[in-house]
Amino acid sequence: MFLSAVKRIGVVLAAVAGAAVLAASPASAAQQCGDLRGPEGGTLPLCKSWNWDGNDYDGKWWTNGPSSLPSHTYLQRSEDGSVTNSSFSGSYQDVKTIRFRLCDSSTRRCTGWW
């Protein structure tokens, strides 16, 4: 009985120690890719990466293949709610939320945020 209780306590302590190490480790970089559809047709294969640095994210975005977007389609990005026209690749620092969408200059339509 005593030996069984000691084994259970050891398992619990090992699990708690493992969880503490995991919680203390910095998050590794993550990446997501998708095909963004333009509001007037075509697609843009876009990837974004992010790395949690303790209080916000740093990362990059880039195209992941050829685009079939019409020439009047452009990319916008939103960094913490601040929207700007964007190049098709770049980096960012100290951002809590980053999103991308495609807009069309001839129809003034935009897609939903990704």
PDB file of N, CA and C in Angstrom:
ATOM      1  N   MET A   1       0.825  -1.194   0.000  1.00  0.00           N
ATOM      2  CA  MET A   1       0.000   0.000   0.000  1.00  0.00           C
ATOM      3  C   MET A   1       0.872   1.263   0.000  1.00  0.00           C
ATOM      4  N   PHE A   2       1.871   1.315   0.885  1.00  0.00           N
ATOM      5  CA  PHE A   2       2.754   2.472   0.964  1.00  0.00           C
ATOM      6  C   PHE A   2       3.524   2.664  -0.339  1.00  0.00           C
ATOM      7  N   LEU A   3       4.020   1.568  -0.927  1.00  0.00           N
ATOM      8  CA  LEU A   3       4.778   1.633  -2.170  1.00  0.00           C
ATOM      9  C   LEU A   3       3.897   2.148  -3.320  1.00  0.00           C
ATOM     10  N   SER A   4       2.645   1.728  -3.337  1.00  0.00           N
ATOM     11  CA  SER A   4       1.713   2.179  -4.360  1.00  0.00           C
ATOM     12  C   SER A   4       1.464   3.687  -4.251  1.00  0.00           C
ATOM     13  N   ALA A   5       1.321   4.181  -3.050  1.00  0.00           N
ATOM     14  CA  ALA A   5       1.101   5.611  -2.841  1.00  0.00           C
ATOM     15  C   ALA A   5       2.326   6.410  -3.262  1.00  0.00           C
ATOM     16  N   VAL A   6       3.519   5.906  -2.965  1.00  0.00           N
ATOM     17  CA  VAL A   6       4.752   6.582  -3.364  1.00  0.00           C
ATOM     18  C   VAL A   6       4.855   6.649  -4.878  1.00  0.00           C
ATOM     19  N   LYS A   7       4.498   5.578  -5.574  1.00  0.00           N
ATOM     20  CA  LYS A   7       4.530   5.572  -7.044  1.00  0.00           C
ATOM     21  C   LYS A   7       3.563   6.610  -7.605  1.00  0.00           C
ATOM     22  N   ARG A   8       2.352   6.664  -7.012  1.00  0.00           N
ATOM     23  CA  ARG A   8       1.365   7.642  -7.497  1.00  0.00           C
ATOM     24  C   ARG A   8       1.856   9.071  -7.279  1.00  0.00           C
ATOM     25  N   ILE A   9       2.453   9.334  -6.134  1.00  0.00           N
ATOM     26  CA  ILE A   9       2.985  10.676  -5.849  1.00  0.00           C
ATOM     27  C   ILE A   9       4.105  11.003  -6.828  1.00  0.00           C
ATOM     28  N   GLY A  10       4.961  10.033  -7.123  1.00  0.00           N
ATOM     29  CA  GLY A  10       6.041  10.250  -8.088  1.00  0.00           C
ATOM     30  C   GLY A  10       5.513  10.578  -9.461  1.00  0.00           C
ATOM     31  N   VAL A  11       4.461   9.887  -9.897  1.00  0.00           N
ATOM     32  CA  VAL A  11       3.864  10.151 -11.206  1.00  0.00           C
ATOM     33  C   VAL A  11       3.274  11.554 -11.237  1.00  0.00           C
ATOM     34  N   VAL A  12       2.578  11.938 -10.173  1.00  0.00           N
ATOM     35  CA  VAL A  12       1.979  13.275 -10.103  1.00  0.00           C
ATOM     36  C   VAL A  12       3.071  14.349 -10.121  1.00  0.00           C
ATOM     37  N   LEU A  13       4.137  14.159  -9.324  1.00  0.00           N
ATOM     38  CA  LEU A  13       5.224  15.142  -9.311  1.00  0.00           C
ATOM     39  C   LEU A  13       5.901  15.252 -10.670  1.00  0.00           C
ATOM     40  N   ALA A  14       6.097  14.139 -11.353  1.00  0.00           N
ATOM     41  CA  ALA A  14       6.703  14.168 -12.687  1.00  0.00           C
ATOM     42  C   ALA A  14       5.808  14.919 -13.667  1.00  0.00           C
ATOM     43  N   ALA A  15       4.507  14.709 -13.582  1.00  0.00           N
ATOM     44  CA  ALA A  15       3.575  15.397 -14.479  1.00  0.00           C
ATOM     45  C   ALA A  15       3.577  16.895 -14.212  1.00  0.00           C
ATOM     46  N   VAL A  16       3.588  17.283 -12.924  1.00  0.00           N
ATOM     47  CA  VAL A  16       3.607  18.705 -12.574  1.00  0.00           C
ATOM     48  C   VAL A  16       4.912  19.353 -13.030  1.00  0.00           C
ATOM     49  N   ALA A  17       6.028  18.663 -12.821  1.00  0.00           N
ATOM     50  CA  ALA A  17       7.322  19.209 -13.254  1.00  0.00           C
ATOM     51  C   ALA A  17       7.361  19.360 -14.768  1.00  0.00           C
ATOM     52  N   GLY A  18       6.843  18.385 -15.502  1.00  0.00           N
ATOM     53  CA  GLY A  18       6.804  18.469 -16.966  1.00  0.00           C
ATOM     54  C   GLY A  18       5.945  19.619 -17.440  1.00  0.00           C
ATOM     55  N   ALA A  19       4.811  19.827 -16.781  1.00  0.00           N
ATOM     56  CA  ALA A  19       3.938  20.941 -17.150  1.00  0.00           C
ATOM     57  C   ALA A  19       4.609  22.273 -16.864  1.00  0.00           C
ATOM     58  N   ALA A  20       5.352  22.366 -15.764  1.00  0.00           N
ATOM     59  CA  ALA A  20       6.043  23.617 -15.429  1.00  0.00           C
ATOM     60  C   ALA A  20       7.116  23.932 -16.462  1.00  0.00           C
ATOM     61  N   VAL A  21       7.862  22.932 -16.909  1.00  0.00           N
ATOM     62  CA  VAL A  21       8.884  23.148 -17.939  1.00  0.00           C
ATOM     63  C   VAL A  21       8.225  23.591 -19.234  1.00  0.00           C
ATOM     64  N   LEU A  22       7.117  22.953 -19.604  1.00  0.00           N
ATOM     65  CA  LEU A  22       6.397  23.313 -20.826  1.00  0.00           C
ATOM     66  C   LEU A  22       5.878  24.740 -20.740  1.00  0.00           C
ATOM     67  N   ALA A  23       5.322  25.129 -19.598  1.00  0.00           N
ATOM     68  CA  ALA A  23       4.789  26.483 -19.443  1.00  0.00           C
ATOM     69  C   ALA A  23       5.895  27.526 -19.462  1.00  0.00           C
ATOM     70  N   ALA A  24       7.074  27.177 -18.973  1.00  0.00           N
ATOM     71  CA  ALA A  24       8.168  28.142 -18.927  1.00  0.00           C
ATOM     72  C   ALA A  24       8.886  28.281 -20.259  1.00  0.00           C
ATOM     73  N   SER A  25       8.747  27.318 -21.147  1.00  0.00           N
ATOM     74  CA  SER A  25       9.422  27.358 -22.444  1.00  0.00           C
ATOM     75  C   SER A  25       8.771  28.381 -23.349  1.00  0.00           C
ATOM     76  N   PRO A  26       9.557  29.153 -24.096  1.00  0.00           N
ATOM     77  CA  PRO A  26       8.953  30.093 -25.036  1.00  0.00           C
ATOM     78  C   PRO A  26       8.270  29.333 -26.164  1.00  0.00           C
ATOM     79  N   ALA A  27       7.193  29.883 -26.658  1.00  0.00           N
ATOM     80  CA  ALA A  27       6.465  29.238 -27.746  1.00  0.00           C
ATOM     81  C   ALA A  27       7.310  29.250 -29.010  1.00  0.00           C
ATOM     82  N   SER A  28       7.267  28.193 -29.745  1.00  0.00           N
ATOM     83  CA  SER A  28       8.009  28.153 -30.997  1.00  0.00           C
ATOM     84  C   SER A  28       7.228  28.888 -32.076  1.00  0.00           C
ATOM     85  N   ALA A  29       7.918  29.202 -33.138  1.00  0.00           N
ATOM     86  CA  ALA A  29       7.281  29.915 -34.247  1.00  0.00           C
ATOM     87  C   ALA A  29       6.226  29.026 -34.887  1.00  0.00           C
ATOM     88  N   ALA A  30       5.146  29.632 -35.305  1.00  0.00           N
ATOM     89  CA  ALA A  30       4.072  28.930 -35.995  1.00  0.00           C
ATOM     90  C   ALA A  30       3.924  29.532 -37.384  1.00  0.00           C
ATOM     91  N   GLN A  31       3.326  28.765 -38.267  1.00  0.00           N
ATOM     92  CA  GLN A  31       3.149  29.210 -39.652  1.00  0.00           C
ATOM     93  C   GLN A  31       1.806  28.727 -40.170  1.00  0.00           C
ATOM     94  N   GLN A  32       1.183  29.550 -41.005  1.00  0.00           N
ATOM     95  CA  GLN A  32      -0.089  29.202 -41.636  1.00  0.00           C
ATOM     96  C   GLN A  32      -0.055  29.686 -43.073  1.00  0.00           C
ATOM     97  N   CYS A  33      -0.508  28.848 -43.986  1.00  0.00           N
ATOM     98  CA  CYS A  33      -0.595  29.222 -45.401  1.00  0.00           C
ATOM     99  C   CYS A  33      -2.013  29.001 -45.892  1.00  0.00           C
ATOM    100  N   GLY A  34      -2.418  29.800 -46.856  1.00  0.00           N
ATOM    101  CA  GLY A  34      -3.749  29.649 -47.431  1.00  0.00           C
ATOM    102  C   GLY A  34      -3.822  30.327 -48.786  1.00  0.00           C
ATOM    103  N   ASP A  35      -4.829  29.951 -49.542  1.00  0.00           N
ATOM    104  CA  ASP A  35      -5.096  30.591 -50.833  1.00  0.00           C
ATOM    105  C   ASP A  35      -6.171  31.642 -50.624  1.00  0.00           C
ATOM    106  N   LEU A  36      -5.788  32.909 -50.683  1.00  0.00           N
ATOM    107  CA  LEU A  36      -6.752  33.990 -50.540  1.00  0.00           C
ATOM    108  C   LEU A  36      -7.404  34.246 -51.888  1.00  0.00           C
ATOM    109  N   ARG A  37      -8.718  34.295 -51.909  1.00  0.00           N
ATOM    110  CA  ARG A  37      -9.466  34.562 -53.140  1.00  0.00           C
ATOM    111  C   ARG A  37      -9.718  36.058 -53.246  1.00  0.00           C
ATOM    112  N   GLY A  38      -9.460  36.590 -54.422  1.00  0.00           N
ATOM    113  CA  GLY A  38      -9.696  38.008 -54.656  1.00  0.00           C
ATOM    114  C   GLY A  38     -11.177  38.316 -54.766  1.00  0.00           C
ATOM    115  N   PRO A  39     -11.593  39.545 -54.488  1.00  0.00           N
ATOM    116  CA  PRO A  39     -13.010  39.904 -54.567  1.00  0.00           C
ATOM    117  C   PRO A  39     -13.547  39.840 -55.995  1.00  0.00           C
ATOM    118  N   GLU A  40     -12.670  39.933 -56.987  1.00  0.00           N
ATOM    119  CA  GLU A  40     -13.091  39.854 -58.388  1.00  0.00           C
ATOM    120  C   GLU A  40     -12.453  38.662 -59.085  1.00  0.00           C
ATOM    121  N   GLY A  41     -12.094  37.635 -58.310  1.00  0.00           N
ATOM    122  CA  GLY A  41     -11.528  36.416 -58.878  1.00  0.00           C
ATOM    123  C   GLY A  41     -10.032  36.314 -58.660  1.00  0.00           C
ATOM    124  N   GLY A  42      -9.519  35.151 -58.972  1.00  0.00           N
ATOM    125  CA  GLY A  42      -8.101  34.883 -58.807  1.00  0.00           C
ATOM    126  C   GLY A  42      -7.761  34.501 -57.373  1.00  0.00           C
ATOM    127  N   THR A  43      -6.570  33.986 -57.194  1.00  0.00           N
ATOM    128  CA  THR A  43      -6.112  33.603 -55.858  1.00  0.00           C
ATOM    129  C   THR A  43      -4.687  34.083 -55.614  1.00  0.00           C
ATOM    130  N   LEU A  44      -4.383  34.217 -54.339  1.00  0.00           N
ATOM    131  CA  LEU A  44      -3.039  34.567 -53.892  1.00  0.00           C
ATOM    132  C   LEU A  44      -2.644  33.557 -52.824  1.00  0.00           C
ATOM    133  N   PRO A  45      -1.624  32.718 -53.094  1.00  0.00           N
ATOM    134  CA  PRO A  45      -1.148  31.817 -52.046  1.00  0.00           C
ATOM    135  C   PRO A  45      -0.272  32.611 -51.075  1.00  0.00           C
ATOM    136  N   LEU A  46      -0.742  32.775 -49.849  1.00  0.00           N
ATOM    137  CA  LEU A  46      -0.057  33.615 -48.870  1.00  0.00           C
ATOM    138  C   LEU A  46       0.233  32.804 -47.610  1.00  0.00           C
ATOM    139  N   CYS A  47       1.406  33.018 -47.041  1.00  0.00           N
ATOM    140  CA  CYS A  47       1.784  32.402 -45.767  1.00  0.00           C
ATOM    141  C   CYS A  47       2.082  33.499 -44.755  1.00  0.00           C
ATOM    142  N   LYS A  48       1.836  33.187 -43.504  1.00  0.00           N
ATOM    143  CA  LYS A  48       2.219  34.091 -42.424  1.00  0.00           C
ATOM    144  C   LYS A  48       2.801  33.248 -41.298  1.00  0.00           C
ATOM    145  N   SER A  49       3.785  33.827 -40.614  1.00  0.00           N
ATOM    146  CA  SER A  49       4.381  33.158 -39.467  1.00  0.00           C
ATOM    147  C   SER A  49       4.339  34.114 -38.294  1.00  0.00           C
ATOM    148  N   TRP A  50       4.401  33.556 -37.107  1.00  0.00           N
ATOM    149  CA  TRP A  50       4.404  34.384 -35.914  1.00  0.00           C
ATOM    150  C   TRP A  50       5.139  33.663 -34.802  1.00  0.00           C
ATOM    151  N   ASN A  51       5.722  34.464 -33.936  1.00  0.00           N
ATOM    152  CA  ASN A  51       6.459  33.958 -32.793  1.00  0.00           C
ATOM    153  C   ASN A  51       6.107  34.815 -31.578  1.00  0.00           C
ATOM    154  N   TRP A  52       5.579  34.194 -30.536  1.00  0.00           N
ATOM    155  CA  TRP A  52       5.231  34.908 -29.305  1.00  0.00           C
ATOM    156  C   TRP A  52       6.518  35.244 -28.570  1.00  0.00           C
ATOM    157  N   ASP A  53       6.740  36.508 -28.256  1.00  0.00           N
ATOM    158  CA  ASP A  53       7.972  36.892 -27.571  1.00  0.00           C
ATOM    159  C   ASP A  53       7.748  37.247 -26.103  1.00  0.00           C
ATOM    160  N   GLY A  54       6.590  36.914 -25.591  1.00  0.00           N
ATOM    161  CA  GLY A  54       6.307  37.161 -24.176  1.00  0.00           C
ATOM    162  C   GLY A  54       5.157  38.115 -23.940  1.00  0.00           C
ATOM    163  N   ASN A  55       4.973  39.077 -24.839  1.00  0.00           N
ATOM    164  CA  ASN A  55       3.849  40.008 -24.685  1.00  0.00           C
ATOM    165  C   ASN A  55       3.146  40.332 -26.002  1.00  0.00           C
ATOM    166  N   ASP A  56       3.729  39.942 -27.133  1.00  0.00           N
ATOM    167  CA  ASP A  56       3.101  40.156 -28.440  1.00  0.00           C
ATOM    168  C   ASP A  56       3.832  39.282 -29.457  1.00  0.00           C
ATOM    169  N   TYR A  57       3.522  39.472 -30.741  1.00  0.00           N
ATOM    170  CA  TYR A  57       4.072  38.608 -31.782  1.00  0.00           C
ATOM    171  C   TYR A  57       5.008  39.354 -32.721  1.00  0.00           C
ATOM    172  N   ASP A  58       5.990  38.635 -33.209  1.00  0.00           N
ATOM    173  CA  ASP A  58       6.847  39.070 -34.310  1.00  0.00           C
ATOM    174  C   ASP A  58       6.673  38.027 -35.411  1.00  0.00           C
ATOM    175  N   GLY A  59       6.762  38.428 -36.672  1.00  0.00           N
ATOM    176  CA  GLY A  59       6.605  37.443 -37.728  1.00  0.00           C
ATOM    177  C   GLY A  59       6.830  38.001 -39.109  1.00  0.00           C
ATOM    178  N   LYS A  60       6.459  37.177 -40.093  1.00  0.00           N
ATOM    179  CA  LYS A  60       6.629  37.506 -41.512  1.00  0.00           C
ATOM    180  C   LYS A  60       5.410  37.062 -42.296  1.00  0.00           C
ATOM    181  N   TRP A  61       5.285  37.582 -43.506  1.00  0.00           N
ATOM    182  CA  TRP A  61       4.327  37.064 -44.480  1.00  0.00           C
ATOM    183  C   TRP A  61       4.988  37.066 -45.842  1.00  0.00           C
ATOM    184  N   TRP A  62       4.540  36.163 -46.713  1.00  0.00           N
ATOM    185  CA  TRP A  62       5.141  36.012 -48.036  1.00  0.00           C
ATOM    186  C   TRP A  62       4.206  35.217 -48.925  1.00  0.00           C
ATOM    187  N   THR A  63       4.387  35.389 -50.244  1.00  0.00           N
ATOM    188  CA  THR A  63       3.617  34.579 -51.192  1.00  0.00           C
ATOM    189  C   THR A  63       4.265  33.211 -51.292  1.00  0.00           C
ATOM    190  N   ASN A  64       3.437  32.226 -51.549  1.00  0.00           N
ATOM    191  CA  ASN A  64       3.885  30.840 -51.573  1.00  0.00           C
ATOM    192  C   ASN A  64       3.576  30.218 -52.936  1.00  0.00           C
ATOM    193  N   GLY A  65       3.880  30.949 -53.993  1.00  0.00           N
ATOM    194  CA  GLY A  65       3.598  30.479 -55.342  1.00  0.00           C
ATOM    195  C   GLY A  65       3.050  31.605 -56.191  1.00  0.00           C
ATOM    196  N   PRO A  66       2.729  31.298 -57.431  1.00  0.00           N
ATOM    197  CA  PRO A  66       2.240  32.346 -58.342  1.00  0.00           C
ATOM    198  C   PRO A  66       0.815  32.796 -58.009  1.00  0.00           C
ATOM    199  N   SER A  67       0.569  34.053 -58.249  1.00  0.00           N
ATOM    200  CA  SER A  67      -0.747  34.644 -58.043  1.00  0.00           C
ATOM    201  C   SER A  67      -1.518  34.641 -59.361  1.00  0.00           C
ATOM    202  N   SER A  68      -2.821  34.477 -59.267  1.00  0.00           N
ATOM    203  CA  SER A  68      -3.670  34.611 -60.452  1.00  0.00           C
ATOM    204  C   SER A  68      -4.645  35.778 -60.281  1.00  0.00           C
ATOM    205  N   LEU A  69      -4.268  36.749 -59.451  1.00  0.00           N
ATOM    206  CA  LEU A  69      -5.133  37.902 -59.194  1.00  0.00           C
ATOM    207  C   LEU A  69      -5.140  38.863 -60.373  1.00  0.00           C
ATOM    208  N   PRO A  70      -6.266  39.528 -60.615  1.00  0.00           N
ATOM    209  CA  PRO A  70      -6.279  40.614 -61.607  1.00  0.00           C
ATOM    210  C   PRO A  70      -5.320  41.725 -61.169  1.00  0.00           C
ATOM    211  N   SER A  71      -4.835  42.495 -62.109  1.00  0.00           N
ATOM    212  CA  SER A  71      -3.822  43.515 -61.807  1.00  0.00           C
ATOM    213  C   SER A  71      -4.336  44.613 -60.884  1.00  0.00           C
ATOM    214  N   HIS A  72      -5.647  44.789 -60.769  1.00  0.00           N
ATOM    215  CA  HIS A  72      -6.191  45.850 -59.921  1.00  0.00           C
ATOM    216  C   HIS A  72      -6.517  45.361 -58.505  1.00  0.00           C
ATOM    217  N   THR A  73      -6.043  44.168 -58.150  1.00  0.00           N
ATOM    218  CA  THR A  73      -6.239  43.640 -56.800  1.00  0.00           C
ATOM    219  C   THR A  73      -4.984  43.897 -55.970  1.00  0.00           C
ATOM    220  N   TYR A  74      -5.179  44.336 -54.738  1.00  0.00           N
ATOM    221  CA  TYR A  74      -4.041  44.623 -53.862  1.00  0.00           C
ATOM    222  C   TYR A  74      -4.287  44.023 -52.481  1.00  0.00           C
ATOM    223  N   LEU A  75      -3.216  43.902 -51.723  1.00  0.00           N
ATOM    224  CA  LEU A  75      -3.254  43.309 -50.392  1.00  0.00           C
ATOM    225  C   LEU A  75      -3.308  44.396 -49.331  1.00  0.00           C
ATOM    226  N   GLN A  76      -4.143  44.195 -48.323  1.00  0.00           N
ATOM    227  CA  GLN A  76      -4.152  45.057 -47.148  1.00  0.00           C
ATOM    228  C   GLN A  76      -3.831  44.204 -45.929  1.00  0.00           C
ATOM    229  N   ARG A  77      -3.231  44.832 -44.926  1.00  0.00           N
ATOM    230  CA  ARG A  77      -3.012  44.140 -43.667  1.00  0.00           C
ATOM    231  C   ARG A  77      -3.513  45.004 -42.523  1.00  0.00           C
ATOM    232  N   SER A  78      -3.907  44.333 -41.481  1.00  0.00           N
ATOM    233  CA  SER A  78      -4.371  44.998 -40.269  1.00  0.00           C
ATOM    234  C   SER A  78      -3.479  44.547 -39.125  1.00  0.00           C
ATOM    235  N   GLU A  79      -2.776  45.489 -38.534  1.00  0.00           N
ATOM    236  CA  GLU A  79      -1.955  45.230 -37.357  1.00  0.00           C
ATOM    237  C   GLU A  79      -2.640  45.888 -36.167  1.00  0.00           C
ATOM    238  N   ASP A  80      -3.190  45.065 -35.302  1.00  0.00           N
ATOM    239  CA  ASP A  80      -3.917  45.550 -34.123  1.00  0.00           C
ATOM    240  C   ASP A  80      -5.003  46.558 -34.501  1.00  0.00           C
ATOM    241  N   GLY A  81      -5.664  46.330 -35.640  1.00  0.00           N
ATOM    242  CA  GLY A  81      -6.766  47.176 -36.072  1.00  0.00           C
ATOM    243  C   GLY A  81      -6.373  48.327 -36.974  1.00  0.00           C
ATOM    244  N   SER A  82      -5.099  48.587 -37.146  1.00  0.00           N
ATOM    245  CA  SER A  82      -4.630  49.653 -38.027  1.00  0.00           C
ATOM    246  C   SER A  82      -4.421  49.071 -39.431  1.00  0.00           C
ATOM    247  N   VAL A  83      -5.233  49.518 -40.396  1.00  0.00           N
ATOM    248  CA  VAL A  83      -5.244  48.955 -41.746  1.00  0.00           C
ATOM    249  C   VAL A  83      -4.357  49.768 -42.674  1.00  0.00           C
ATOM    250  N   THR A  84      -3.490  49.072 -43.437  1.00  0.00           N
ATOM    251  CA  THR A  84      -2.634  49.720 -44.424  1.00  0.00           C
ATOM    252  C   THR A  84      -2.561  48.860 -45.673  1.00  0.00           C
ATOM    253  N   ASN A  85      -2.346  49.506 -46.818  1.00  0.00           N
ATOM    254  CA  ASN A  85      -2.044  48.756 -48.029  1.00  0.00           C
ATOM    255  C   ASN A  85      -0.678  48.124 -47.838  1.00  0.00           C
ATOM    256  N   SER A  86      -0.502  46.920 -48.382  1.00  0.00           N
ATOM    257  CA  SER A  86       0.669  46.143 -48.041  1.00  0.00           C
ATOM    258  C   SER A  86       1.375  45.583 -49.261  1.00  0.00           C
ATOM    259  N   SER A  87       2.666  45.373 -49.132  1.00  0.00           N
ATOM    260  CA  SER A  87       3.396  44.611 -50.140  1.00  0.00           C
ATOM    261  C   SER A  87       3.042  43.137 -49.948  1.00  0.00           C
ATOM    262  N   PHE A  88       3.437  42.300 -50.887  1.00  0.00           N
ATOM    263  CA  PHE A  88       3.082  40.888 -50.824  1.00  0.00           C
ATOM    264  C   PHE A  88       4.049  40.073 -49.972  1.00  0.00           C
ATOM    265  N   SER A  89       5.019  40.732 -49.354  1.00  0.00           N
ATOM    266  CA  SER A  89       5.884  40.068 -48.381  1.00  0.00           C
ATOM    267  C   SER A  89       6.426  41.125 -47.438  1.00  0.00           C
ATOM    268  N   GLY A  90       6.754  40.709 -46.242  1.00  0.00           N
ATOM    269  CA  GLY A  90       7.290  41.648 -45.276  1.00  0.00           C
ATOM    270  C   GLY A  90       7.384  41.020 -43.907  1.00  0.00           C
ATOM    271  N   SER A  91       7.644  41.855 -42.926  1.00  0.00           N
ATOM    272  CA  SER A  91       7.745  41.380 -41.556  1.00  0.00           C
ATOM    273  C   SER A  91       7.078  42.386 -40.629  1.00  0.00           C
ATOM    274  N   TYR A  92       6.823  41.951 -39.420  1.00  0.00           N
ATOM    275  CA  TYR A  92       6.215  42.822 -38.419  1.00  0.00           C
ATOM    276  C   TYR A  92       6.789  42.479 -37.047  1.00  0.00           C
ATOM    277  N   GLN A  93       6.672  43.432 -36.136  1.00  0.00           N
ATOM    278  CA  GLN A  93       7.140  43.234 -34.763  1.00  0.00           C
ATOM    279  C   GLN A  93       6.168  43.888 -33.800  1.00  0.00           C
ATOM    280  N   ASP A  94       6.079  43.315 -32.623  1.00  0.00           N
ATOM    281  CA  ASP A  94       5.294  43.889 -31.528  1.00  0.00           C
ATOM    282  C   ASP A  94       3.828  44.078 -31.895  1.00  0.00           C
ATOM    283  N   VAL A  95       3.219  43.028 -32.431  1.00  0.00           N
ATOM    284  CA  VAL A  95       1.823  43.060 -32.867  1.00  0.00           C
ATOM    285  C   VAL A  95       1.051  41.985 -32.108  1.00  0.00           C
ATOM    286  N   LYS A  96      -0.141  42.312 -31.657  1.00  0.00           N
ATOM    287  CA  LYS A  96      -0.977  41.320 -30.984  1.00  0.00           C
ATOM    288  C   LYS A  96      -1.851  40.561 -31.977  1.00  0.00           C
ATOM    289  N   THR A  97      -2.328  41.238 -33.025  1.00  0.00           N
ATOM    290  CA  THR A  97      -3.179  40.599 -34.037  1.00  0.00           C
ATOM    291  C   THR A  97      -2.795  41.108 -35.417  1.00  0.00           C
ATOM    292  N   ILE A  98      -2.546  40.180 -36.340  1.00  0.00           N
ATOM    293  CA  ILE A  98      -2.282  40.567 -37.731  1.00  0.00           C
ATOM    294  C   ILE A  98      -3.233  39.796 -38.626  1.00  0.00           C
ATOM    295  N   ARG A  99      -3.803  40.497 -39.603  1.00  0.00           N
ATOM    296  CA  ARG A  99      -4.750  39.896 -40.544  1.00  0.00           C
ATOM    297  C   ARG A  99      -4.489  40.470 -41.934  1.00  0.00           C
ATOM    298  N   PHE A 100      -4.935  39.726 -42.954  1.00  0.00           N
ATOM    299  CA  PHE A 100      -4.751  40.140 -44.343  1.00  0.00           C
ATOM    300  C   PHE A 100      -6.066  39.997 -45.097  1.00  0.00           C
ATOM    301  N   ARG A 101      -6.225  40.834 -46.112  1.00  0.00           N
ATOM    302  CA  ARG A 101      -7.368  40.707 -47.021  1.00  0.00           C
ATOM    303  C   ARG A 101      -6.970  41.265 -48.370  1.00  0.00           C
ATOM    304  N   LEU A 102      -7.742  40.907 -49.383  1.00  0.00           N
ATOM    305  CA  LEU A 102      -7.525  41.405 -50.744  1.00  0.00           C
ATOM    306  C   LEU A 102      -8.620  42.396 -51.096  1.00  0.00           C
ATOM    307  N   CYS A 103      -8.245  43.457 -51.784  1.00  0.00           N
ATOM    308  CA  CYS A 103      -9.194  44.480 -52.215  1.00  0.00           C
ATOM    309  C   CYS A 103      -9.015  44.735 -53.709  1.00  0.00           C
ATOM    310  N   ASP A 104     -10.064  45.230 -54.329  1.00  0.00           N
ATOM    311  CA  ASP A 104     -10.060  45.526 -55.760  1.00  0.00           C
ATOM    312  C   ASP A 104     -10.240  47.027 -55.942  1.00  0.00           C
ATOM    313  N   SER A 105      -9.296  47.647 -56.626  1.00  0.00           N
ATOM    314  CA  SER A 105      -9.347  49.102 -56.789  1.00  0.00           C
ATOM    315  C   SER A 105     -10.435  49.557 -57.760  1.00  0.00           C
ATOM    316  N   SER A 106     -10.862  48.699 -58.680  1.00  0.00           N
ATOM    317  CA  SER A 106     -11.893  49.128 -59.639  1.00  0.00           C
ATOM    318  C   SER A 106     -13.301  49.023 -59.057  1.00  0.00           C
ATOM    319  N   THR A 107     -13.564  48.047 -58.225  1.00  0.00           N
ATOM    320  CA  THR A 107     -14.906  47.898 -57.645  1.00  0.00           C
ATOM    321  C   THR A 107     -14.975  48.354 -56.188  1.00  0.00           C
ATOM    322  N   ARG A 108     -13.823  48.626 -55.591  1.00  0.00           N
ATOM    323  CA  ARG A 108     -13.717  49.046 -54.190  1.00  0.00           C
ATOM    324  C   ARG A 108     -14.261  47.994 -53.225  1.00  0.00           C
ATOM    325  N   ARG A 109     -14.234  46.743 -53.643  1.00  0.00           N
ATOM    326  CA  ARG A 109     -14.665  45.639 -52.793  1.00  0.00           C
ATOM    327  C   ARG A 109     -13.449  44.976 -52.151  1.00  0.00           C
ATOM    328  N   CYS A 110     -13.644  44.445 -50.941  1.00  0.00           N
ATOM    329  CA  CYS A 110     -12.583  43.709 -50.242  1.00  0.00           C
ATOM    330  C   CYS A 110     -13.152  42.382 -49.740  1.00  0.00           C
ATOM    331  N   THR A 111     -12.276  41.436 -49.561  1.00  0.00           N
ATOM    332  CA  THR A 111     -12.659  40.143 -48.998  1.00  0.00           C
ATOM    333  C   THR A 111     -12.688  40.234 -47.473  1.00  0.00           C
ATOM    334  N   GLY A 112     -13.072  39.161 -46.843  1.00  0.00           N
ATOM    335  CA  GLY A 112     -13.017  39.083 -45.384  1.00  0.00           C
ATOM    336  C   GLY A 112     -11.563  38.938 -44.937  1.00  0.00           C
ATOM    337  N   TRP A 113     -11.330  39.208 -43.689  1.00  0.00           N
ATOM    338  CA  TRP A 113      -9.972  39.150 -43.135  1.00  0.00           C
ATOM    339  C   TRP A 113      -9.545  37.709 -42.926  1.00  0.00           C
ATOM    340  N   TRP A 114      -8.282  37.458 -43.196  1.00  0.00           N
ATOM    341  CA  TRP A 114      -7.666  36.146 -42.939  1.00  0.00           C
ATOM    342  C   TRP A 114      -6.494  36.326 -42.018  1.00  0.00           C
TER     343      TRP A 114
END
